[in-house]
N, C-alpha and C. Protein backbone atom coordinates (compact mmCIF):
# COMPACT_ATOMS: atom_id res chain seq x y z
N MET A 1 0.86 -1.08 -0.06
CA MET A 1 0.01 0.04 -0.01
C MET A 1 1.05 1.22 0.04
N SER A 2 0.77 1.97 -0.89
CA SER A 2 1.62 3.14 -1.04
C SER A 2 0.92 4.60 -0.73
N SER A 3 -0.55 4.45 -0.67
CA SER A 3 -1.25 5.69 -0.41
C SER A 3 -1.06 6.37 0.87
N LYS A 4 -1.02 7.50 1.06
CA LYS A 4 -0.87 8.37 2.31
C LYS A 4 -2.22 9.28 2.43
N LEU A 5 -3.34 8.90 1.78
CA LEU A 5 -4.50 9.68 1.94
C LEU A 5 -5.03 9.66 3.21
N ASN A 6 -5.64 10.71 3.69
CA ASN A 6 -6.19 10.76 4.94
C ASN A 6 -7.51 9.89 4.98
N PHE A 7 -7.99 9.91 6.16
CA PHE A 7 -9.38 8.79 6.24
C PHE A 7 -10.49 9.55 5.19
N LYS A 8 -10.56 10.82 5.18
CA LYS A 8 -11.73 11.51 4.65
C LYS A 8 -11.42 11.11 3.10
N ALA A 9 -10.27 11.21 2.72
CA ALA A 9 -10.03 11.10 1.20
C ALA A 9 -10.12 9.64 0.88
N GLN A 10 -9.64 8.72 1.69
CA GLN A 10 -9.89 7.18 1.54
C GLN A 10 -11.37 6.94 1.43
N LEU A 11 -12.22 7.45 2.23
CA LEU A 11 -13.45 7.38 2.13
C LEU A 11 -14.21 7.71 0.88
N GLU A 12 -13.87 8.94 0.48
CA GLU A 12 -14.31 9.67 -0.90
C GLU A 12 -13.81 8.74 -1.92
N ALA A 13 -12.62 8.21 -1.98
CA ALA A 13 -11.92 7.53 -2.94
C ALA A 13 -12.85 6.07 -3.00
N PHE A 14 -13.13 5.43 -1.78
CA PHE A 14 -13.93 4.17 -1.78
C PHE A 14 -15.24 4.39 -2.27
N ARG A 15 -15.93 5.41 -1.98
CA ARG A 15 -17.29 5.81 -2.44
C ARG A 15 -17.46 5.69 -3.91
N ALA A 16 -16.28 6.49 -4.51
CA ALA A 16 -16.34 6.85 -5.84
C ALA A 16 -15.47 5.64 -6.78
N ASN A 17 -15.14 4.51 -6.03
CA ASN A 17 -14.40 3.68 -6.80
C ASN A 17 -13.30 4.25 -7.56
N ALA A 18 -12.66 5.16 -7.03
CA ALA A 18 -11.59 5.96 -7.71
C ALA A 18 -10.27 5.14 -7.75
N PRO A 19 -9.44 5.67 -8.76
CA PRO A 19 -8.27 5.00 -8.82
C PRO A 19 -7.27 4.95 -7.83
N GLU A 20 -7.31 5.89 -6.79
CA GLU A 20 -6.61 5.82 -5.69
C GLU A 20 -7.01 4.70 -4.69
N TYR A 21 -8.09 4.29 -4.90
CA TYR A 21 -8.85 2.94 -4.02
C TYR A 21 -8.42 1.71 -4.79
N VAL A 22 -8.72 1.65 -6.16
CA VAL A 22 -8.50 0.34 -6.93
C VAL A 22 -7.17 0.01 -7.10
N ASN A 23 -6.45 1.07 -7.46
CA ASN A 23 -4.90 0.93 -7.73
C ASN A 23 -4.11 0.68 -6.49
N ASP A 24 -4.71 1.12 -5.43
CA ASP A 24 -3.91 0.90 -4.24
C ASP A 24 -4.14 -0.38 -3.56
N SER A 25 -4.61 -1.30 -4.39
CA SER A 25 -5.11 -2.75 -3.74
C SER A 25 -6.21 -2.68 -2.67
N TYR A 26 -7.24 -1.55 -2.82
CA TYR A 26 -8.16 -1.38 -1.99
C TYR A 26 -7.83 -1.29 -0.59
N PHE A 27 -6.67 -0.48 -0.46
CA PHE A 27 -6.10 0.06 0.79
C PHE A 27 -5.68 -1.22 1.57
N PHE A 28 -5.48 -2.27 1.01
CA PHE A 28 -4.81 -3.61 1.75
C PHE A 28 -3.39 -3.35 1.88
N PHE A 29 -2.69 -3.61 2.94
CA PHE A 29 -1.26 -3.74 3.18
C PHE A 29 -0.63 -4.99 2.61
N ASP A 30 -1.37 -6.05 3.23
CA ASP A 30 -0.81 -7.51 3.10
C ASP A 30 -2.07 -8.36 3.11
N TRP A 31 -1.94 -9.45 2.26
CA TRP A 31 -2.93 -10.31 2.25
C TRP A 31 -2.53 -11.77 1.66
N PHE A 32 -3.41 -12.79 2.01
CA PHE A 32 -3.16 -14.00 1.68
C PHE A 32 -4.31 -14.72 0.95
N CYS A 33 -5.35 -13.96 0.70
CA CYS A 33 -6.47 -14.26 -0.12
C CYS A 33 -6.16 -13.89 -1.59
N SER A 34 -7.11 -14.39 -2.33
CA SER A 34 -7.01 -14.05 -3.85
C SER A 34 -7.22 -12.38 -3.82
N GLU A 35 -6.54 -11.73 -5.04
CA GLU A 35 -6.78 -10.37 -5.03
C GLU A 35 -8.03 -9.87 -5.71
N LYS A 36 -8.95 -11.05 -6.08
CA LYS A 36 -10.21 -10.65 -6.54
C LYS A 36 -11.20 -10.38 -5.13
N ALA A 37 -10.57 -11.02 -4.23
CA ALA A 37 -11.46 -11.03 -2.88
C ALA A 37 -11.15 -9.66 -2.04
N LEU A 38 -10.21 -8.92 -2.44
CA LEU A 38 -9.79 -7.74 -1.71
C LEU A 38 -10.90 -6.72 -1.79
N LYS A 39 -11.59 -6.41 -3.00
CA LYS A 39 -12.62 -5.42 -3.16
C LYS A 39 -13.75 -5.64 -2.24
N ILE A 40 -14.17 -6.88 -2.12
CA ILE A 40 -15.38 -7.29 -1.27
C ILE A 40 -14.94 -7.07 0.26
N LYS A 41 -13.75 -7.65 0.74
CA LYS A 41 -13.24 -7.60 1.90
C LYS A 41 -13.13 -6.08 2.44
N SER A 42 -12.72 -5.15 1.46
CA SER A 42 -12.56 -3.89 1.77
C SER A 42 -13.80 -2.93 1.96
N LYS A 43 -14.74 -3.40 1.27
CA LYS A 43 -16.10 -2.96 1.48
C LYS A 43 -16.47 -3.04 2.93
N LEU A 44 -16.53 -4.20 3.42
CA LEU A 44 -16.84 -4.53 4.68
C LEU A 44 -15.95 -3.83 5.88
N LEU A 45 -14.57 -3.92 5.52
CA LEU A 45 -13.68 -3.40 6.48
C LEU A 45 -13.87 -1.85 6.51
N MET A 46 -14.15 -1.07 5.29
CA MET A 46 -14.31 0.39 5.26
C MET A 46 -15.38 0.70 6.24
N THR A 47 -16.48 0.19 6.08
CA THR A 47 -17.77 0.56 6.86
C THR A 47 -17.43 0.51 8.36
N LYS A 48 -16.73 -0.79 8.60
CA LYS A 48 -16.52 -1.01 10.12
C LYS A 48 -15.28 0.16 10.63
N ALA A 49 -14.52 0.40 9.69
CA ALA A 49 -13.54 1.32 10.17
C ALA A 49 -14.09 2.72 10.40
N GLU A 50 -14.96 3.14 9.46
CA GLU A 50 -15.67 4.30 9.58
C GLU A 50 -16.51 4.64 10.89
N LYS A 51 -17.09 3.36 11.11
CA LYS A 51 -18.04 3.18 12.51
C LYS A 51 -17.00 3.42 13.76
N VAL A 52 -15.82 2.84 13.58
CA VAL A 52 -14.93 2.94 14.81
C VAL A 52 -14.37 4.25 14.88
N MET A 53 -14.09 4.94 13.72
CA MET A 53 -13.49 6.32 13.82
C MET A 53 -14.67 7.35 14.49
N SER A 54 -15.91 7.10 14.04
CA SER A 54 -16.76 8.09 14.59
C SER A 54 -17.20 7.72 15.98
N LYS A 55 -17.33 6.55 16.33
CA LYS A 55 -17.44 6.29 17.81
C LYS A 55 -16.51 6.61 18.71
N LEU A 56 -15.27 6.50 18.37
CA LEU A 56 -14.06 7.16 19.10
C LEU A 56 -13.56 8.50 18.99
N GLY A 57 -14.54 9.27 17.99
CA GLY A 57 -14.20 10.57 17.83
C GLY A 57 -12.84 10.97 17.33
N LEU A 58 -12.31 10.07 16.30
CA LEU A 58 -11.02 10.31 15.75
C LEU A 58 -11.27 11.18 14.54
N ASP A 59 -10.47 12.18 14.27
CA ASP A 59 -10.51 13.16 13.35
C ASP A 59 -10.02 12.45 12.00
N PRO A 60 -11.01 12.32 10.90
CA PRO A 60 -10.71 11.63 9.63
C PRO A 60 -9.73 12.38 8.74
N GLU A 61 -9.32 13.76 9.06
CA GLU A 61 -8.23 14.34 8.37
C GLU A 61 -6.98 14.07 8.97
N MET A 62 -7.00 13.72 10.27
CA MET A 62 -5.57 13.42 10.83
C MET A 62 -5.08 12.03 10.97
N HIS A 63 -6.00 11.02 10.64
CA HIS A 63 -5.82 9.65 10.63
C HIS A 63 -6.10 8.98 9.09
N ARG A 64 -5.39 7.80 9.08
CA ARG A 64 -5.83 6.92 7.72
C ARG A 64 -6.03 5.49 8.11
N VAL A 65 -6.31 4.67 7.22
CA VAL A 65 -6.62 3.33 7.78
C VAL A 65 -5.81 2.44 6.50
N PHE A 66 -5.47 1.28 7.16
CA PHE A 66 -5.07 0.16 6.16
C PHE A 66 -5.47 -0.98 6.53
N PHE A 67 -5.67 -2.10 5.57
CA PHE A 67 -6.45 -3.21 5.94
C PHE A 67 -5.30 -4.38 5.89
N LYS A 68 -5.47 -5.42 6.58
CA LYS A 68 -4.73 -6.63 6.28
C LYS A 68 -5.46 -7.96 6.29
N ASN A 69 -5.23 -9.04 5.51
CA ASN A 69 -5.62 -10.21 5.61
C ASN A 69 -4.53 -11.02 6.34
N ASN A 70 -4.86 -11.54 7.46
CA ASN A 70 -3.99 -12.12 8.21
C ASN A 70 -4.00 -13.72 8.18
N CYS A 71 -2.85 -14.38 8.53
CA CYS A 71 -2.94 -15.99 8.27
C CYS A 71 -2.16 -16.35 9.55
N PRO A 72 -2.85 -16.76 10.60
CA PRO A 72 -2.37 -17.17 11.89
C PRO A 72 -1.64 -18.45 11.63
N MET A 73 -0.84 -18.86 12.56
CA MET A 73 -0.02 -20.08 12.40
C MET A 73 -1.01 -21.26 12.96
N SER A 74 -2.11 -20.79 14.00
CA SER A 74 -3.16 -21.83 14.41
C SER A 74 -4.42 -21.17 14.17
N GLY A 75 -5.03 -21.46 13.16
CA GLY A 75 -6.43 -20.89 12.68
C GLY A 75 -6.60 -20.66 11.48
N LYS A 76 -7.69 -19.79 11.18
CA LYS A 76 -7.88 -19.45 9.67
C LYS A 76 -7.87 -17.98 9.41
N LEU A 77 -7.65 -17.87 7.99
CA LEU A 77 -7.45 -16.43 7.62
C LEU A 77 -8.51 -15.53 8.15
N TYR A 78 -8.09 -14.32 8.52
CA TYR A 78 -9.10 -13.27 8.92
C TYR A 78 -8.64 -11.86 8.60
N ASP A 79 -9.65 -10.99 8.69
CA ASP A 79 -9.15 -9.75 8.23
C ASP A 79 -9.09 -8.77 9.34
N SER A 80 -8.25 -7.72 9.30
CA SER A 80 -8.18 -6.67 10.38
C SER A 80 -7.86 -5.22 9.62
N PHE A 81 -8.05 -4.05 10.51
CA PHE A 81 -7.81 -2.90 9.95
C PHE A 81 -7.12 -2.16 11.14
N SER A 82 -6.16 -1.32 10.76
CA SER A 82 -5.31 -0.49 11.63
C SER A 82 -5.75 0.98 11.24
N ILE A 83 -6.03 1.85 12.39
CA ILE A 83 -6.14 3.28 11.95
C ILE A 83 -4.93 3.95 12.48
N CYS A 84 -4.17 4.65 11.71
CA CYS A 84 -2.86 5.35 11.91
C CYS A 84 -2.89 6.76 11.82
N THR A 85 -2.05 7.45 12.50
CA THR A 85 -1.94 8.81 12.48
C THR A 85 -1.46 9.13 10.93
N ASN A 86 -1.94 10.16 10.29
CA ASN A 86 -1.56 10.53 8.88
C ASN A 86 -0.46 11.60 8.86
N ASP A 87 0.74 11.01 9.42
CA ASP A 87 1.97 11.98 9.58
C ASP A 87 3.13 11.21 9.38
N GLU A 88 4.34 11.76 9.65
CA GLU A 88 5.51 11.10 9.28
C GLU A 88 5.76 9.63 10.22
N LYS A 89 5.20 9.85 11.48
CA LYS A 89 5.23 8.67 12.27
C LYS A 89 4.55 7.60 11.96
N ASN A 90 3.30 7.93 11.43
CA ASN A 90 2.48 6.69 10.97
C ASN A 90 2.05 5.90 12.14
N ASP A 91 1.76 6.37 13.30
CA ASP A 91 1.85 5.29 14.35
C ASP A 91 0.44 4.73 14.29
N VAL A 92 0.16 3.46 14.61
CA VAL A 92 -1.21 2.87 14.90
C VAL A 92 -1.64 3.12 16.08
N VAL A 93 -3.04 3.82 15.93
CA VAL A 93 -3.52 4.11 17.34
C VAL A 93 -4.93 3.09 17.67
N ILE A 94 -5.24 2.54 16.62
CA ILE A 94 -6.28 1.50 16.85
C ILE A 94 -6.04 0.47 15.81
N TRP A 95 -6.02 -1.05 16.49
CA TRP A 95 -6.08 -2.02 15.58
C TRP A 95 -7.30 -2.93 16.04
N CYS A 96 -8.05 -3.31 15.04
CA CYS A 96 -9.21 -3.97 15.14
C CYS A 96 -9.51 -5.14 14.01
N THR A 97 -10.21 -6.16 14.49
CA THR A 97 -10.76 -7.31 13.69
C THR A 97 -12.21 -7.64 14.26
N PRO A 98 -12.78 -7.56 13.14
CA PRO A 98 -14.36 -7.88 13.36
C PRO A 98 -14.53 -9.15 13.78
N SER A 99 -13.74 -10.26 13.39
CA SER A 99 -13.87 -11.68 13.62
C SER A 99 -12.56 -12.36 13.72
N SER A 100 -12.00 -12.75 14.64
CA SER A 100 -10.56 -12.99 14.90
C SER A 100 -10.48 -14.63 14.15
N GLY A 101 -9.44 -15.01 13.55
CA GLY A 101 -9.15 -16.23 13.04
C GLY A 101 -8.32 -17.23 13.85
N HIS A 102 -7.82 -16.78 14.86
CA HIS A 102 -6.96 -17.50 15.74
C HIS A 102 -7.93 -18.37 16.48
N LYS A 103 -7.29 -19.73 16.61
CA LYS A 103 -8.03 -20.68 17.42
C LYS A 103 -8.55 -20.43 18.81
N SER A 104 -7.63 -19.77 19.51
CA SER A 104 -7.99 -19.33 20.87
C SER A 104 -9.08 -18.38 21.02
N THR A 105 -9.33 -17.36 19.90
CA THR A 105 -10.17 -16.35 20.05
C THR A 105 -11.13 -16.38 18.75
N GLU A 106 -11.24 -17.54 18.02
CA GLU A 106 -12.08 -17.57 16.80
C GLU A 106 -13.45 -17.01 16.97
N GLY A 107 -13.69 -16.12 15.93
CA GLY A 107 -15.03 -15.42 15.83
C GLY A 107 -15.02 -14.20 16.68
N GLN A 108 -14.28 -13.99 17.63
CA GLN A 108 -14.32 -12.75 18.55
C GLN A 108 -13.91 -11.44 17.91
N ALA A 109 -14.75 -10.51 18.18
CA ALA A 109 -14.31 -9.03 17.63
C ALA A 109 -13.40 -8.75 18.70
N GLN A 110 -12.32 -8.05 18.23
CA GLN A 110 -11.26 -7.42 19.15
C GLN A 110 -10.76 -6.05 18.50
N LEU A 111 -10.59 -5.09 19.67
CA LEU A 111 -10.15 -3.65 19.36
C LEU A 111 -8.89 -3.56 20.39
N VAL A 112 -7.84 -2.78 19.90
CA VAL A 112 -6.85 -2.37 20.71
C VAL A 112 -6.61 -1.09 20.63
N ASP A 113 -6.60 -0.22 21.54
CA ASP A 113 -6.38 1.12 21.55
C ASP A 113 -5.24 1.52 22.05
N PHE A 114 -4.23 2.09 21.19
CA PHE A 114 -3.01 2.39 21.66
C PHE A 114 -2.71 4.03 21.96
N ARG A 115 -3.81 4.68 22.00
CA ARG A 115 -3.82 6.19 22.43
C ARG A 115 -3.24 6.36 23.61
N ASP A 116 -3.55 5.63 24.63
CA ASP A 116 -3.08 5.76 26.01
C ASP A 116 -2.39 4.32 26.42
N TYR A 117 -1.27 4.31 26.01
CA TYR A 117 -0.57 3.03 26.11
C TYR A 117 0.72 3.08 27.00
N GLU A 118 1.06 1.90 27.29
CA GLU A 118 2.29 1.89 28.26
C GLU A 118 3.43 0.99 27.24
N THR A 119 4.52 1.30 27.59
CA THR A 119 5.67 0.57 26.73
C THR A 119 6.29 -0.36 27.90
N ARG A 120 6.26 -1.68 27.49
CA ARG A 120 7.02 -2.74 28.25
C ARG A 120 8.29 -3.01 27.47
N GLU A 121 9.34 -3.29 28.54
CA GLU A 121 10.65 -3.67 27.85
C GLU A 121 10.70 -4.61 27.07
N TYR A 122 10.12 -5.73 27.01
CA TYR A 122 10.26 -6.92 26.17
C TYR A 122 9.24 -6.99 25.05
N THR A 123 7.83 -6.58 25.30
CA THR A 123 6.95 -6.51 24.42
C THR A 123 6.45 -5.52 23.74
N GLY A 124 7.00 -4.36 24.12
CA GLY A 124 6.63 -3.18 23.31
C GLY A 124 5.46 -2.41 23.74
N LYS A 125 4.64 -1.86 22.90
CA LYS A 125 3.47 -1.13 23.16
C LYS A 125 2.30 -2.11 23.68
N VAL A 126 1.75 -1.71 24.72
CA VAL A 126 0.63 -2.59 25.23
C VAL A 126 -0.57 -1.40 25.22
N GLY A 127 -1.67 -1.68 24.49
CA GLY A 127 -2.83 -1.04 24.41
C GLY A 127 -3.91 -1.51 25.21
N LYS A 128 -5.05 -0.65 25.46
CA LYS A 128 -6.24 -1.22 26.08
C LYS A 128 -6.93 -2.01 25.15
N GLU A 129 -7.10 -3.44 25.59
CA GLU A 129 -7.76 -4.29 24.84
C GLU A 129 -9.36 -4.41 25.22
N ILE A 130 -10.16 -4.60 23.86
CA ILE A 130 -11.72 -4.86 24.15
C ILE A 130 -11.84 -6.17 23.23
N ASN A 131 -12.24 -7.00 24.05
CA ASN A 131 -12.61 -8.59 23.31
C ASN A 131 -14.11 -8.68 23.56
N CYS A 132 -14.89 -9.08 22.40
CA CYS A 132 -16.27 -9.30 22.57
C CYS A 132 -16.64 -10.59 21.85
N ASN A 133 -17.89 -11.04 21.91
CA ASN A 133 -18.32 -12.22 21.11
C ASN A 133 -18.77 -11.93 19.78
N SER A 134 -18.94 -10.60 19.48
CA SER A 134 -19.41 -10.22 18.07
C SER A 134 -19.10 -8.85 17.76
N TRP A 135 -19.29 -8.38 16.64
CA TRP A 135 -19.11 -7.08 16.19
C TRP A 135 -20.08 -6.19 16.72
N LYS A 136 -21.31 -6.50 16.78
CA LYS A 136 -22.32 -5.77 17.35
C LYS A 136 -21.97 -5.32 18.86
N GLU A 137 -21.68 -6.32 19.52
CA GLU A 137 -21.43 -6.24 20.95
C GLU A 137 -20.20 -5.24 20.99
N LEU A 138 -19.24 -5.38 20.27
CA LEU A 138 -18.00 -4.46 20.31
C LEU A 138 -18.28 -3.08 19.90
N THR A 139 -19.12 -2.79 18.98
CA THR A 139 -19.55 -1.48 18.75
C THR A 139 -20.46 -0.90 19.80
N HIS A 140 -21.14 -1.71 20.42
CA HIS A 140 -21.87 -1.21 21.74
C HIS A 140 -20.96 -0.86 22.98
N LYS A 141 -20.03 -1.84 23.04
CA LYS A 141 -19.12 -1.53 24.05
C LYS A 141 -18.13 -0.24 23.89
N LEU A 142 -17.98 0.05 22.60
CA LEU A 142 -17.10 1.28 22.08
C LEU A 142 -17.91 2.34 22.74
N VAL A 143 -19.20 2.63 22.70
CA VAL A 143 -19.83 3.75 23.19
C VAL A 143 -19.55 3.75 24.75
N ASP A 144 -19.85 2.78 25.27
CA ASP A 144 -19.68 2.61 26.86
C ASP A 144 -18.22 3.03 27.16
N GLU A 145 -17.17 2.24 26.70
CA GLU A 145 -15.76 2.33 26.82
C GLU A 145 -15.18 3.87 26.45
N SER A 146 -15.88 4.56 25.31
CA SER A 146 -15.41 5.77 25.00
C SER A 146 -15.93 6.88 25.96
N ALA A 147 -17.09 6.53 26.44
CA ALA A 147 -17.93 7.73 27.38
C ALA A 147 -17.17 7.53 28.61
N GLY A 148 -16.73 6.30 28.99
CA GLY A 148 -15.87 6.43 30.43
C GLY A 148 -14.68 6.79 30.36
N TYR A 149 -14.03 6.84 29.05
CA TYR A 149 -12.72 7.41 28.68
C TYR A 149 -12.76 8.87 28.80
N LEU A 150 -13.87 9.59 28.31
CA LEU A 150 -14.08 10.83 28.27
C LEU A 150 -14.19 11.47 29.56
N VAL A 151 -15.06 10.71 30.31
CA VAL A 151 -15.48 11.11 31.66
C VAL A 151 -14.20 11.11 32.38
N ASN A 152 -13.36 10.10 32.29
CA ASN A 152 -11.95 10.12 33.18
C ASN A 152 -11.23 11.27 32.81
N ILE A 153 -11.24 11.66 31.58
CA ILE A 153 -10.33 12.80 31.14
C ILE A 153 -11.01 14.16 31.84
N LEU A 154 -12.24 14.24 31.50
CA LEU A 154 -12.99 15.46 32.17
C LEU A 154 -12.70 15.57 33.87
N GLN A 155 -12.87 14.57 34.53
CA GLN A 155 -12.52 14.44 35.75
C GLN A 155 -11.17 14.98 36.16
N ASP A 156 -10.25 14.47 35.40
CA ASP A 156 -8.67 14.71 35.58
C ASP A 156 -8.68 16.29 35.22
N GLU A 157 -9.29 16.92 34.26
CA GLU A 157 -9.18 18.12 34.01
C GLU A 157 -9.82 19.06 35.17
N VAL A 158 -10.90 18.50 35.81
CA VAL A 158 -11.53 19.29 36.81
C VAL A 158 -10.56 19.14 38.13
N ARG A 159 -9.98 18.15 38.26
CA ARG A 159 -9.08 17.89 39.56
C ARG A 159 -7.90 18.87 39.38
N TYR A 160 -7.45 19.00 37.95
CA TYR A 160 -6.27 19.77 37.83
C TYR A 160 -6.60 21.33 38.08
N GLU A 161 -7.98 21.67 37.50
CA GLU A 161 -8.38 23.05 37.85
C GLU A 161 -8.62 23.47 39.31
N ASP A 162 -8.98 22.55 39.95
CA ASP A 162 -9.30 22.52 41.36
C ASP A 162 -8.08 22.81 42.22
N GLN A 163 -6.98 22.14 41.77
CA GLN A 163 -5.71 22.14 42.41
C GLN A 163 -5.01 23.67 42.04
N GLN A 164 -5.26 24.02 40.74
CA GLN A 164 -4.80 25.35 40.49
C GLN A 164 -5.62 26.63 41.20
N ALA A 165 -6.75 26.59 41.53
CA ALA A 165 -7.54 27.61 42.15
C ALA A 165 -7.01 27.74 43.66
């Protein structure tokens, strides 16, 4: 995948079936399925990525998405998407799969939020994980989780302002 379009431009290219979408392997970074399957898979993933962007309040002009078709050592092929910063760092801020193919988590929807992460010496970045039995359950939990996340931020701001007074 060579495109560095932001998510807003990616969504426009997707909806118009524009060359930026088609010629860039439908925003897939890596795949183990047939190339013919990429267009269908990207339609499903793009709508899900749009929902996650919206529910988490991510700026579509400051982020972009890429898709991956994963081949685990133990399990079946499955798709995921990563939402990254659209800058020189290109940091992954959200990783998500609507349905895992790993035997241990097969069929589960998973999301990892790296926006507020800790770095561990041996494993690297560790984000906040949400694991659910279905995509629908995950999207409902995103509302609850993001609402709680925002409440914590607002409470911290109030505490800081109280300390300054």
